[in-house]
Amino acid sequence: MAAGTPDKLYFRIGEVSAKTGLPASVLRYWESEFASLAPKKSSSGQRLYTKLDIERIDEIQKLLYAEKLTIEGARKRIEVKKRYRKPELSSEALAAILEDVRLELKVLRDQL
């Protein structure tokens, strides 16, 4: 998340527009083009973006404007990235993996 973003759970479309420099109409259009960008809506219909949504917008903006990809190209790049993203492991799972590695290293050391 970029520096200067307030510590809030939800941001309105105007706030996201001001932060990213993108018009609200572009943000609404991207929602229809990118399945991963789906902000919640309040009871009054106001879009409520999370920090994760803003990170996705930043990623899409980089792909479209900096890397000059088409919308289809950006969609494919995001899909490939999502496909190869490693799942998050809990601290208990990481501790178990480290313990297994430690034991394996001890066995190898003893064989030398």
PDB file of N, CA and C in Angstrom:
ATOM      1  N   MET A   1       0.841  -1.173   0.000  1.00  0.00           N
ATOM      2  CA  MET A   1       0.000   0.000   0.000  1.00  0.00           C
ATOM      3  C   MET A   1       0.882   1.231   0.000  1.00  0.00           C
ATOM      4  N   ALA A   2       0.523   2.191  -0.753  1.00  0.00           N
ATOM      5  CA  ALA A   2       1.322   3.392  -0.879  1.00  0.00           C
ATOM      6  C   ALA A   2       1.290   4.200   0.413  1.00  0.00           C
ATOM      7  N   ALA A   3       2.374   4.907   0.650  1.00  0.00           N
ATOM      8  CA  ALA A   3       2.452   5.732   1.850  1.00  0.00           C
ATOM      9  C   ALA A   3       1.414   6.846   1.757  1.00  0.00           C
ATOM     10  N   GLY A   4       0.909   7.259   2.887  1.00  0.00           N
ATOM     11  CA  GLY A   4      -0.057   8.336   2.920  1.00  0.00           C
ATOM     12  C   GLY A   4      -1.498   7.867   2.851  1.00  0.00           C
ATOM     13  N   THR A   5      -1.738   6.577   2.773  1.00  0.00           N
ATOM     14  CA  THR A   5      -3.101   6.066   2.766  1.00  0.00           C
ATOM     15  C   THR A   5      -3.597   5.954   4.198  1.00  0.00           C
ATOM     16  N   PRO A   6      -4.736   6.569   4.488  1.00  0.00           N
ATOM     17  CA  PRO A   6      -5.253   6.518   5.859  1.00  0.00           C
ATOM     18  C   PRO A   6      -5.532   5.084   6.304  1.00  0.00           C
ATOM     19  N   ASP A   7      -5.507   4.877   7.603  1.00  0.00           N
ATOM     20  CA  ASP A   7      -5.754   3.552   8.153  1.00  0.00           C
ATOM     21  C   ASP A   7      -7.260   3.382   8.334  1.00  0.00           C
ATOM     22  N   LYS A   8      -7.932   3.053   7.240  1.00  0.00           N
ATOM     23  CA  LYS A   8      -9.377   2.850   7.235  1.00  0.00           C
ATOM     24  C   LYS A   8      -9.667   1.493   6.625  1.00  0.00           C
ATOM     25  N   LEU A   9     -10.836   0.949   6.940  1.00  0.00           N
ATOM     26  CA  LEU A   9     -11.239  -0.318   6.340  1.00  0.00           C
ATOM     27  C   LEU A   9     -11.775  -0.129   4.928  1.00  0.00           C
ATOM     28  N   TYR A  10     -12.551   0.921   4.706  1.00  0.00           N
ATOM     29  CA  TYR A  10     -13.187   1.134   3.421  1.00  0.00           C
ATOM     30  C   TYR A  10     -12.959   2.549   2.930  1.00  0.00           C
ATOM     31  N   PHE A  11     -12.873   2.677   1.601  1.00  0.00           N
ATOM     32  CA  PHE A  11     -12.676   3.968   0.966  1.00  0.00           C
ATOM     33  C   PHE A  11     -13.753   4.139  -0.097  1.00  0.00           C
ATOM     34  N   ARG A  12     -14.300   5.332  -0.205  1.00  0.00           N
ATOM     35  CA  ARG A  12     -15.304   5.616  -1.225  1.00  0.00           C
ATOM     36  C   ARG A  12     -14.610   5.834  -2.560  1.00  0.00           C
ATOM     37  N   ILE A  13     -15.396   5.747  -3.631  1.00  0.00           N
ATOM     38  CA  ILE A  13     -14.832   5.840  -4.969  1.00  0.00           C
ATOM     39  C   ILE A  13     -14.136   7.185  -5.197  1.00  0.00           C
ATOM     40  N   GLY A  14     -14.647   8.244  -4.612  1.00  0.00           N
ATOM     41  CA  GLY A  14     -14.005   9.558  -4.755  1.00  0.00           C
ATOM     42  C   GLY A  14     -12.628   9.597  -4.107  1.00  0.00           C
ATOM     43  N   GLU A  15     -12.496   8.940  -2.955  1.00  0.00           N
ATOM     44  CA  GLU A  15     -11.205   8.878  -2.280  1.00  0.00           C
ATOM     45  C   GLU A  15     -10.204   8.056  -3.100  1.00  0.00           C
ATOM     46  N   VAL A  16     -10.670   6.948  -3.649  1.00  0.00           N
ATOM     47  CA  VAL A  16      -9.806   6.093  -4.462  1.00  0.00           C
ATOM     48  C   VAL A  16      -9.407   6.828  -5.738  1.00  0.00           C
ATOM     49  N   SER A  17     -10.346   7.535  -6.310  1.00  0.00           N
ATOM     50  CA  SER A  17     -10.076   8.314  -7.510  1.00  0.00           C
ATOM     51  C   SER A  17      -9.001   9.374  -7.242  1.00  0.00           C
ATOM     52  N   ALA A  18      -9.124  10.070  -6.131  1.00  0.00           N
ATOM     53  CA  ALA A  18      -8.141  11.097  -5.778  1.00  0.00           C
ATOM     54  C   ALA A  18      -6.770  10.482  -5.507  1.00  0.00           C
ATOM     55  N   LYS A  19      -6.739   9.332  -4.847  1.00  0.00           N
ATOM     56  CA  LYS A  19      -5.476   8.692  -4.502  1.00  0.00           C
ATOM     57  C   LYS A  19      -4.754   8.166  -5.737  1.00  0.00           C
ATOM     58  N   THR A  20      -5.509   7.564  -6.666  1.00  0.00           N
ATOM     59  CA  THR A  20      -4.896   6.934  -7.835  1.00  0.00           C
ATOM     60  C   THR A  20      -4.751   7.879  -9.020  1.00  0.00           C
ATOM     61  N   GLY A  21      -5.487   8.972  -9.002  1.00  0.00           N
ATOM     62  CA  GLY A  21      -5.456   9.901 -10.128  1.00  0.00           C
ATOM     63  C   GLY A  21      -6.309   9.435 -11.297  1.00  0.00           C
ATOM     64  N   LEU A  22      -7.156   8.446 -11.062  1.00  0.00           N
ATOM     65  CA  LEU A  22      -8.031   7.909 -12.108  1.00  0.00           C
ATOM     66  C   LEU A  22      -9.447   8.439 -11.922  1.00  0.00           C
ATOM     67  N   PRO A  23     -10.125   8.759 -13.001  1.00  0.00           N
ATOM     68  CA  PRO A  23     -11.526   9.179 -12.871  1.00  0.00           C
ATOM     69  C   PRO A  23     -12.390   8.035 -12.340  1.00  0.00           C
ATOM     70  N   ALA A  24     -13.453   8.385 -11.664  1.00  0.00           N
ATOM     71  CA  ALA A  24     -14.357   7.378 -11.109  1.00  0.00           C
ATOM     72  C   ALA A  24     -14.948   6.506 -12.218  1.00  0.00           C
ATOM     73  N   SER A  25     -15.166   7.087 -13.388  1.00  0.00           N
ATOM     74  CA  SER A  25     -15.728   6.308 -14.503  1.00  0.00           C
ATOM     75  C   SER A  25     -14.772   5.193 -14.934  1.00  0.00           C
ATOM     76  N   VAL A  26     -13.473   5.444 -14.876  1.00  0.00           N
ATOM     77  CA  VAL A  26     -12.486   4.421 -15.224  1.00  0.00           C
ATOM     78  C   VAL A  26     -12.530   3.299 -14.193  1.00  0.00           C
ATOM     79  N   LEU A  27     -12.625   3.659 -12.920  1.00  0.00           N
ATOM     80  CA  LEU A  27     -12.694   2.645 -11.861  1.00  0.00           C
ATOM     81  C   LEU A  27     -13.935   1.777 -12.038  1.00  0.00           C
ATOM     82  N   ARG A  28     -15.067   2.396 -12.358  1.00  0.00           N
ATOM     83  CA  ARG A  28     -16.296   1.617 -12.571  1.00  0.00           C
ATOM     84  C   ARG A  28     -16.161   0.716 -13.796  1.00  0.00           C
ATOM     85  N   TYR A  29     -15.520   1.215 -14.849  1.00  0.00           N
ATOM     86  CA  TYR A  29     -15.318   0.397 -16.054  1.00  0.00           C
ATOM     87  C   TYR A  29     -14.414  -0.790 -15.750  1.00  0.00           C
ATOM     88  N   TRP A  30     -13.345  -0.561 -15.020  1.00  0.00           N
ATOM     89  CA  TRP A  30     -12.425  -1.646 -14.683  1.00  0.00           C
ATOM     90  C   TRP A  30     -13.124  -2.735 -13.883  1.00  0.00           C
ATOM     91  N   GLU A  31     -14.106  -2.363 -13.066  1.00  0.00           N
ATOM     92  CA  GLU A  31     -14.863  -3.371 -12.314  1.00  0.00           C
ATOM     93  C   GLU A  31     -15.550  -4.349 -13.265  1.00  0.00           C
ATOM     94  N   SER A  32     -16.000  -3.854 -14.407  1.00  0.00           N
ATOM     95  CA  SER A  32     -16.670  -4.734 -15.364  1.00  0.00           C
ATOM     96  C   SER A  32     -15.672  -5.570 -16.167  1.00  0.00           C
ATOM     97  N   GLU A  33     -14.426  -5.134 -16.242  1.00  0.00           N
ATOM     98  CA  GLU A  33     -13.416  -5.820 -17.047  1.00  0.00           C
ATOM     99  C   GLU A  33     -12.540  -6.785 -16.245  1.00  0.00           C
ATOM    100  N   PHE A  34     -12.366  -6.542 -14.952  1.00  0.00           N
ATOM    101  CA  PHE A  34     -11.484  -7.352 -14.114  1.00  0.00           C
ATOM    102  C   PHE A  34     -12.293  -7.973 -12.978  1.00  0.00           C
ATOM    103  N   ALA A  35     -12.430  -9.281 -13.009  1.00  0.00           N
ATOM    104  CA  ALA A  35     -13.236  -9.980 -12.004  1.00  0.00           C
ATOM    105  C   ALA A  35     -12.658  -9.824 -10.598  1.00  0.00           C
ATOM    106  N   SER A  36     -11.346  -9.651 -10.501  1.00  0.00           N
ATOM    107  CA  SER A  36     -10.719  -9.537  -9.180  1.00  0.00           C
ATOM    108  C   SER A  36     -11.011  -8.191  -8.520  1.00  0.00           C
ATOM    109  N   LEU A  37     -11.532  -7.251  -9.278  1.00  0.00           N
ATOM    110  CA  LEU A  37     -11.849  -5.931  -8.745  1.00  0.00           C
ATOM    111  C   LEU A  37     -13.359  -5.837  -8.550  1.00  0.00           C
ATOM    112  N   ALA A  38     -13.794  -6.093  -7.328  1.00  0.00           N
ATOM    113  CA  ALA A  38     -15.225  -6.094  -7.026  1.00  0.00           C
ATOM    114  C   ALA A  38     -15.452  -5.502  -5.642  1.00  0.00           C
ATOM    115  N   PRO A  39     -15.497  -4.165  -5.543  1.00  0.00           N
ATOM    116  CA  PRO A  39     -15.712  -3.562  -4.223  1.00  0.00           C
ATOM    117  C   PRO A  39     -17.106  -3.856  -3.699  1.00  0.00           C
ATOM    118  N   LYS A  40     -17.206  -3.872  -2.383  1.00  0.00           N
ATOM    119  CA  LYS A  40     -18.517  -4.053  -1.756  1.00  0.00           C
ATOM    120  C   LYS A  40     -19.333  -2.791  -2.002  1.00  0.00           C
ATOM    121  N   LYS A  41     -20.628  -2.912  -1.790  1.00  0.00           N
ATOM    122  CA  LYS A  41     -21.499  -1.743  -1.909  1.00  0.00           C
ATOM    123  C   LYS A  41     -22.268  -1.580  -0.611  1.00  0.00           C
ATOM    124  N   SER A  42     -22.416  -0.335  -0.208  1.00  0.00           N
ATOM    125  CA  SER A  42     -23.168  -0.044   1.009  1.00  0.00           C
ATOM    126  C   SER A  42     -24.657  -0.187   0.720  1.00  0.00           C
ATOM    127  N   SER A  43     -25.453  -0.047   1.743  1.00  0.00           N
ATOM    128  CA  SER A  43     -26.905  -0.177   1.565  1.00  0.00           C
ATOM    129  C   SER A  43     -27.449   0.896   0.621  1.00  0.00           C
ATOM    130  N   SER A  44     -26.738   2.022   0.520  1.00  0.00           N
ATOM    131  CA  SER A  44     -27.170   3.089  -0.382  1.00  0.00           C
ATOM    132  C   SER A  44     -26.556   2.950  -1.774  1.00  0.00           C
ATOM    133  N   GLY A  45     -25.770   1.896  -1.997  1.00  0.00           N
ATOM    134  CA  GLY A  45     -25.193   1.653  -3.313  1.00  0.00           C
ATOM    135  C   GLY A  45     -23.816   2.256  -3.519  1.00  0.00           C
ATOM    136  N   GLN A  46     -23.277   2.900  -2.497  1.00  0.00           N
ATOM    137  CA  GLN A  46     -21.939   3.506  -2.587  1.00  0.00           C
ATOM    138  C   GLN A  46     -20.880   2.405  -2.616  1.00  0.00           C
ATOM    139  N   ARG A  47     -19.951   2.508  -3.559  1.00  0.00           N
ATOM    140  CA  ARG A  47     -18.861   1.522  -3.639  1.00  0.00           C
ATOM    141  C   ARG A  47     -17.911   1.721  -2.466  1.00  0.00           C
ATOM    142  N   LEU A  48     -17.521   0.604  -1.850  1.00  0.00           N
ATOM    143  CA  LEU A  48     -16.611   0.640  -0.716  1.00  0.00           C
ATOM    144  C   LEU A  48     -15.391  -0.218  -1.046  1.00  0.00           C
ATOM    145  N   TYR A  49     -14.277   0.441  -1.301  1.00  0.00           N
ATOM    146  CA  TYR A  49     -13.037  -0.239  -1.678  1.00  0.00           C
ATOM    147  C   TYR A  49     -12.196  -0.530  -0.441  1.00  0.00           C
ATOM    148  N   THR A  50     -11.576  -1.699  -0.414  1.00  0.00           N
ATOM    149  CA  THR A  50     -10.643  -2.051   0.654  1.00  0.00           C
ATOM    150  C   THR A  50      -9.230  -1.707   0.186  1.00  0.00           C
ATOM    151  N   LYS A  51      -8.266  -1.837   1.096  1.00  0.00           N
ATOM    152  CA  LYS A  51      -6.871  -1.609   0.716  1.00  0.00           C
ATOM    153  C   LYS A  51      -6.426  -2.601  -0.343  1.00  0.00           C
ATOM    154  N   LEU A  52      -6.923  -3.838  -0.261  1.00  0.00           N
ATOM    155  CA  LEU A  52      -6.603  -4.846  -1.273  1.00  0.00           C
ATOM    156  C   LEU A  52      -7.143  -4.424  -2.638  1.00  0.00           C
ATOM    157  N   ASP A  53      -8.356  -3.866  -2.676  1.00  0.00           N
ATOM    158  CA  ASP A  53      -8.914  -3.364  -3.930  1.00  0.00           C
ATOM    159  C   ASP A  53      -8.023  -2.267  -4.506  1.00  0.00           C
ATOM    160  N   ILE A  54      -7.536  -1.376  -3.660  1.00  0.00           N
ATOM    161  CA  ILE A  54      -6.677  -0.287  -4.121  1.00  0.00           C
ATOM    162  C   ILE A  54      -5.349  -0.833  -4.639  1.00  0.00           C
ATOM    163  N   GLU A  55      -4.821  -1.859  -3.998  1.00  0.00           N
ATOM    164  CA  GLU A  55      -3.599  -2.491  -4.501  1.00  0.00           C
ATOM    165  C   GLU A  55      -3.842  -3.109  -5.874  1.00  0.00           C
ATOM    166  N   ARG A  56      -5.003  -3.717  -6.074  1.00  0.00           N
ATOM    167  CA  ARG A  56      -5.345  -4.291  -7.379  1.00  0.00           C
ATOM    168  C   ARG A  56      -5.460  -3.191  -8.426  1.00  0.00           C
ATOM    169  N   ILE A  57      -6.063  -2.072  -8.048  1.00  0.00           N
ATOM    170  CA  ILE A  57      -6.179  -0.941  -8.973  1.00  0.00           C
ATOM    171  C   ILE A  57      -4.788  -0.434  -9.343  1.00  0.00           C
ATOM    172  N   ASP A  58      -3.903  -0.312  -8.367  1.00  0.00           N
ATOM    173  CA  ASP A  58      -2.528   0.118  -8.644  1.00  0.00           C
ATOM    174  C   ASP A  58      -1.844  -0.845  -9.613  1.00  0.00           C
ATOM    175  N   GLU A  59      -2.068  -2.145  -9.421  1.00  0.00           N
ATOM    176  CA  GLU A  59      -1.470  -3.153 -10.299  1.00  0.00           C
ATOM    177  C   GLU A  59      -2.026  -3.032 -11.717  1.00  0.00           C
ATOM    178  N   ILE A  60      -3.337  -2.885 -11.839  1.00  0.00           N
ATOM    179  CA  ILE A  60      -3.967  -2.744 -13.147  1.00  0.00           C
ATOM    180  C   ILE A  60      -3.465  -1.466 -13.830  1.00  0.00           C
ATOM    181  N   GLN A  61      -3.394  -0.386 -13.067  1.00  0.00           N
ATOM    182  CA  GLN A  61      -2.925   0.886 -13.609  1.00  0.00           C
ATOM    183  C   GLN A  61      -1.494   0.752 -14.138  1.00  0.00           C
ATOM    184  N   LYS A  62      -0.639   0.056 -13.405  1.00  0.00           N
ATOM    185  CA  LYS A  62       0.746  -0.160 -13.826  1.00  0.00           C
ATOM    186  C   LYS A  62       0.791  -0.975 -15.117  1.00  0.00           C
ATOM    187  N   LEU A  63      -0.013  -2.039 -15.174  1.00  0.00           N
ATOM    188  CA  LEU A  63      -0.027  -2.890 -16.363  1.00  0.00           C
ATOM    189  C   LEU A  63      -0.524  -2.132 -17.595  1.00  0.00           C
ATOM    190  N   LEU A  64      -1.561  -1.325 -17.421  1.00  0.00           N
ATOM    191  CA  LEU A  64      -2.152  -0.630 -18.563  1.00  0.00           C
ATOM    192  C   LEU A  64      -1.361   0.597 -18.988  1.00  0.00           C
ATOM    193  N   TYR A  65      -0.906   1.387 -18.025  1.00  0.00           N
ATOM    194  CA  TYR A  65      -0.279   2.663 -18.361  1.00  0.00           C
ATOM    195  C   TYR A  65       1.243   2.592 -18.438  1.00  0.00           C
ATOM    196  N   ALA A  66       1.881   1.894 -17.527  1.00  0.00           N
ATOM    197  CA  ALA A  66       3.345   1.824 -17.536  1.00  0.00           C
ATOM    198  C   ALA A  66       3.850   0.771 -18.517  1.00  0.00           C
ATOM    199  N   GLU A  67       3.229  -0.405 -18.500  1.00  0.00           N
ATOM    200  CA  GLU A  67       3.672  -1.492 -19.377  1.00  0.00           C
ATOM    201  C   GLU A  67       2.949  -1.486 -20.717  1.00  0.00           C
ATOM    202  N   LYS A  68       1.959  -0.602 -20.872  1.00  0.00           N
ATOM    203  CA  LYS A  68       1.237  -0.416 -22.129  1.00  0.00           C
ATOM    204  C   LYS A  68       0.541  -1.684 -22.636  1.00  0.00           C
ATOM    205  N   LEU A  69       0.039  -2.500 -21.721  1.00  0.00           N
ATOM    206  CA  LEU A  69      -0.713  -3.693 -22.115  1.00  0.00           C
ATOM    207  C   LEU A  69      -2.153  -3.299 -22.443  1.00  0.00           C
ATOM    208  N   THR A  70      -2.799  -4.124 -23.236  1.00  0.00           N
ATOM    209  CA  THR A  70      -4.231  -3.940 -23.467  1.00  0.00           C
ATOM    210  C   THR A  70      -4.970  -4.472 -22.240  1.00  0.00           C
ATOM    211  N   ILE A  71      -6.258  -4.235 -22.192  1.00  0.00           N
ATOM    212  CA  ILE A  71      -7.048  -4.753 -21.077  1.00  0.00           C
ATOM    213  C   ILE A  71      -6.994  -6.276 -21.069  1.00  0.00           C
ATOM    214  N   GLU A  72      -7.099  -6.881 -22.243  1.00  0.00           N
ATOM    215  CA  GLU A  72      -7.016  -8.341 -22.332  1.00  0.00           C
ATOM    216  C   GLU A  72      -5.647  -8.834 -21.876  1.00  0.00           C
ATOM    217  N   GLY A  73      -4.586  -8.143 -22.273  1.00  0.00           N
ATOM    218  CA  GLY A  73      -3.237  -8.526 -21.857  1.00  0.00           C
ATOM    219  C   GLY A  73      -3.052  -8.403 -20.358  1.00  0.00           C
ATOM    220  N   ALA A  74      -3.591  -7.329 -19.777  1.00  0.00           N
ATOM    221  CA  ALA A  74      -3.502  -7.136 -18.326  1.00  0.00           C
ATOM    222  C   ALA A  74      -4.294  -8.220 -17.605  1.00  0.00           C
ATOM    223  N   ARG A  75      -5.460  -8.560 -18.136  1.00  0.00           N
ATOM    224  CA  ARG A  75      -6.286  -9.608 -17.535  1.00  0.00           C
ATOM    225  C   ARG A  75      -5.537 -10.941 -17.532  1.00  0.00           C
ATOM    226  N   LYS A  76      -4.880 -11.250 -18.647  1.00  0.00           N
ATOM    227  CA  LYS A  76      -4.120 -12.502 -18.734  1.00  0.00           C
ATOM    228  C   LYS A  76      -2.938 -12.491 -17.771  1.00  0.00           C
ATOM    229  N   ARG A  77      -2.231 -11.366 -17.685  1.00  0.00           N
ATOM    230  CA  ARG A  77      -1.077 -11.270 -16.776  1.00  0.00           C
ATOM    231  C   ARG A  77      -1.507 -11.479 -15.329  1.00  0.00           C
ATOM    232  N   ILE A  78      -2.636 -10.892 -14.945  1.00  0.00           N
ATOM    233  CA  ILE A  78      -3.148 -11.050 -13.580  1.00  0.00           C
ATOM    234  C   ILE A  78      -3.539 -12.498 -13.330  1.00  0.00           C
ATOM    235  N   GLU A  79      -4.152 -13.140 -14.323  1.00  0.00           N
ATOM    236  CA  GLU A  79      -4.562 -14.538 -14.179  1.00  0.00           C
ATOM    237  C   GLU A  79      -3.341 -15.444 -14.006  1.00  0.00           C
ATOM    238  N   VAL A  80      -2.308 -15.227 -14.796  1.00  0.00           N
ATOM    239  CA  VAL A  80      -1.089 -16.033 -14.681  1.00  0.00           C
ATOM    240  C   VAL A  80      -0.449 -15.823 -13.311  1.00  0.00           C
ATOM    241  N   LYS A  81      -0.394 -14.586 -12.882  1.00  0.00           N
ATOM    242  CA  LYS A  81       0.188 -14.286 -11.573  1.00  0.00           C
ATOM    243  C   LYS A  81      -0.606 -14.961 -10.457  1.00  0.00           C
ATOM    244  N   LYS A  82      -1.926 -14.945 -10.584  1.00  0.00           N
ATOM    245  CA  LYS A  82      -2.775 -15.567  -9.566  1.00  0.00           C
ATOM    246  C   LYS A  82      -2.589 -17.082  -9.559  1.00  0.00           C
ATOM    247  N   ARG A  83      -2.419 -17.656 -10.742  1.00  0.00           N
ATOM    248  CA  ARG A  83      -2.268 -19.105 -10.856  1.00  0.00           C
ATOM    249  C   ARG A  83      -0.981 -19.593 -10.195  1.00  0.00           C
ATOM    250  N   TYR A  84       0.077 -18.809 -10.299  1.00  0.00           N
ATOM    251  CA  TYR A  84       1.365 -19.245  -9.769  1.00  0.00           C
ATOM    252  C   TYR A  84       1.689 -18.670  -8.395  1.00  0.00           C
ATOM    253  N   ARG A  85       0.756 -17.941  -7.818  1.00  0.00           N
ATOM    254  CA  ARG A  85       0.966 -17.393  -6.479  1.00  0.00           C
ATOM    255  C   ARG A  85       0.946 -18.528  -5.469  1.00  0.00           C
ATOM    256  N   LYS A  86       1.922 -18.526  -4.585  1.00  0.00           N
ATOM    257  CA  LYS A  86       1.990 -19.574  -3.568  1.00  0.00           C
ATOM    258  C   LYS A  86       0.978 -19.269  -2.467  1.00  0.00           C
ATOM    259  N   PRO A  87       0.323 -20.287  -1.967  1.00  0.00           N
ATOM    260  CA  PRO A  87      -0.657 -20.055  -0.900  1.00  0.00           C
ATOM    261  C   PRO A  87       0.033 -19.604   0.384  1.00  0.00           C
ATOM    262  N   GLU A  88      -0.672 -18.800   1.133  1.00  0.00           N
ATOM    263  CA  GLU A  88      -0.172 -18.323   2.421  1.00  0.00           C
ATOM    264  C   GLU A  88      -0.146 -19.490   3.409  1.00  0.00           C
ATOM    265  N   LEU A  89       0.925 -19.611   4.151  1.00  0.00           N
ATOM    266  CA  LEU A  89       1.028 -20.662   5.159  1.00  0.00           C
ATOM    267  C   LEU A  89       0.908 -20.043   6.543  1.00  0.00           C
ATOM    268  N   SER A  90       0.285 -20.777   7.439  1.00  0.00           N
ATOM    269  CA  SER A  90       0.171 -20.306   8.806  1.00  0.00           C
ATOM    270  C   SER A  90       1.523 -20.434   9.494  1.00  0.00           C
ATOM    271  N   SER A  91       1.684 -19.760  10.608  1.00  0.00           N
ATOM    272  CA  SER A  91       2.956 -19.830  11.334  1.00  0.00           C
ATOM    273  C   SER A  91       3.210 -21.249  11.855  1.00  0.00           C
ATOM    274  N   GLU A  92       2.141 -21.970  12.188  1.00  0.00           N
ATOM    275  CA  GLU A  92       2.304 -23.349  12.649  1.00  0.00           C
ATOM    276  C   GLU A  92       2.827 -24.235  11.515  1.00  0.00           C
ATOM    277  N   ALA A  93       2.296 -24.038  10.314  1.00  0.00           N
ATOM    278  CA  ALA A  93       2.740 -24.824   9.169  1.00  0.00           C
ATOM    279  C   ALA A  93       4.193 -24.508   8.833  1.00  0.00           C
ATOM    280  N   LEU A  94       4.551 -23.227   8.900  1.00  0.00           N
ATOM    281  CA  LEU A  94       5.942 -22.847   8.641  1.00  0.00           C
ATOM    282  C   LEU A  94       6.875 -23.436   9.696  1.00  0.00           C
ATOM    283  N   ALA A  95       6.448 -23.424  10.953  1.00  0.00           N
ATOM    284  CA  ALA A  95       7.267 -23.995  12.028  1.00  0.00           C
ATOM    285  C   ALA A  95       7.468 -25.495  11.800  1.00  0.00           C
ATOM    286  N   ALA A  96       6.437 -26.186  11.346  1.00  0.00           N
ATOM    287  CA  ALA A  96       6.551 -27.624  11.085  1.00  0.00           C
ATOM    288  C   ALA A  96       7.514 -27.886   9.926  1.00  0.00           C
ATOM    289  N   ILE A  97       7.452 -27.074   8.907  1.00  0.00           N
ATOM    290  CA  ILE A  97       8.371 -27.222   7.768  1.00  0.00           C
ATOM    291  C   ILE A  97       9.808 -26.981   8.213  1.00  0.00           C
ATOM    292  N   LEU A  98      10.020 -25.945   8.998  1.00  0.00           N
ATOM    293  CA  LEU A  98      11.367 -25.655   9.490  1.00  0.00           C
ATOM    294  C   LEU A  98      11.902 -26.779  10.366  1.00  0.00           C
ATOM    295  N   GLU A  99      11.045 -27.346  11.173  1.00  0.00           N
ATOM    296  CA  GLU A  99      11.457 -28.467  12.027  1.00  0.00           C
ATOM    297  C   GLU A  99      11.857 -29.671  11.179  1.00  0.00           C
ATOM    298  N   ASP A 100      11.091 -29.946  10.138  1.00  0.00           N
ATOM    299  CA  ASP A 100      11.434 -31.044   9.224  1.00  0.00           C
ATOM    300  C   ASP A 100      12.785 -30.805   8.558  1.00  0.00           C
ATOM    301  N   VAL A 101      13.026 -29.579   8.126  1.00  0.00           N
ATOM    302  CA  VAL A 101      14.308 -29.243   7.496  1.00  0.00           C
ATOM    303  C   VAL A 101      15.446 -29.405   8.497  1.00  0.00           C
ATOM    304  N   ARG A 102      15.226 -28.950   9.713  1.00  0.00           N
ATOM    305  CA  ARG A 102      16.257 -29.060  10.753  1.00  0.00           C
ATOM    306  C   ARG A 102      16.612 -30.523  11.010  1.00  0.00           C
ATOM    307  N   LEU A 103      15.600 -31.369  11.130  1.00  0.00           N
ATOM    308  CA  LEU A 103      15.843 -32.797  11.350  1.00  0.00           C
ATOM    309  C   LEU A 103      16.563 -33.426  10.162  1.00  0.00           C
ATOM    310  N   GLU A 104      16.169 -33.045   8.967  1.00  0.00           N
ATOM    311  CA  GLU A 104      16.819 -33.562   7.755  1.00  0.00           C
ATOM    312  C   GLU A 104      18.298 -33.164   7.721  1.00  0.00           C
ATOM    313  N   LEU A 105      18.575 -31.925   8.106  1.00  0.00           N
ATOM    314  CA  LEU A 105      19.962 -31.463   8.130  1.00  0.00           C
ATOM    315  C   LEU A 105      20.781 -32.211   9.182  1.00  0.00           C
ATOM    316  N   LYS A 106      20.172 -32.503  10.311  1.00  0.00           N
ATOM    317  CA  LYS A 106      20.870 -33.276  11.348  1.00  0.00           C
ATOM    318  C   LYS A 106      21.234 -34.676  10.844  1.00  0.00           C
ATOM    319  N   VAL A 107      20.301 -35.308  10.139  1.00  0.00           N
ATOM    320  CA  VAL A 107      20.538 -36.632   9.583  1.00  0.00           C
ATOM    321  C   VAL A 107      21.687 -36.562   8.590  1.00  0.00           C
ATOM    322  N   LEU A 108      21.669 -35.572   7.731  1.00  0.00           N
ATOM    323  CA  LEU A 108      22.744 -35.421   6.743  1.00  0.00           C
ATOM    324  C   LEU A 108      24.094 -35.160   7.422  1.00  0.00           C
ATOM    325  N   ARG A 109      24.083 -34.344   8.463  1.00  0.00           N
ATOM    326  CA  ARG A 109      25.324 -34.061   9.205  1.00  0.00           C
ATOM    327  C   ARG A 109      25.875 -35.316   9.836  1.00  0.00           C
ATOM    328  N   ASP A 110      25.008 -36.117  10.402  1.00  0.00           N
ATOM    329  CA  ASP A 110      25.440 -37.351  11.053  1.00  0.00           C
ATOM    330  C   ASP A 110      25.988 -38.380  10.063  1.00  0.00           C
ATOM    331  N   GLN A 111      25.528 -38.320   8.839  1.00  0.00           N
ATOM    332  CA  GLN A 111      26.021 -39.235   7.813  1.00  0.00           C
ATOM    333  C   GLN A 111      27.429 -38.870   7.353  1.00  0.00           C
ATOM    334  N   LEU A 112      27.822 -37.627   7.548  1.00  0.00           N
ATOM    335  CA  LEU A 112      29.150 -37.205   7.110  1.00  0.00           C
ATOM    336  C   LEU A 112      30.188 -37.689   8.034  1.00  0.00           C
TER     337      LEU A 112
END
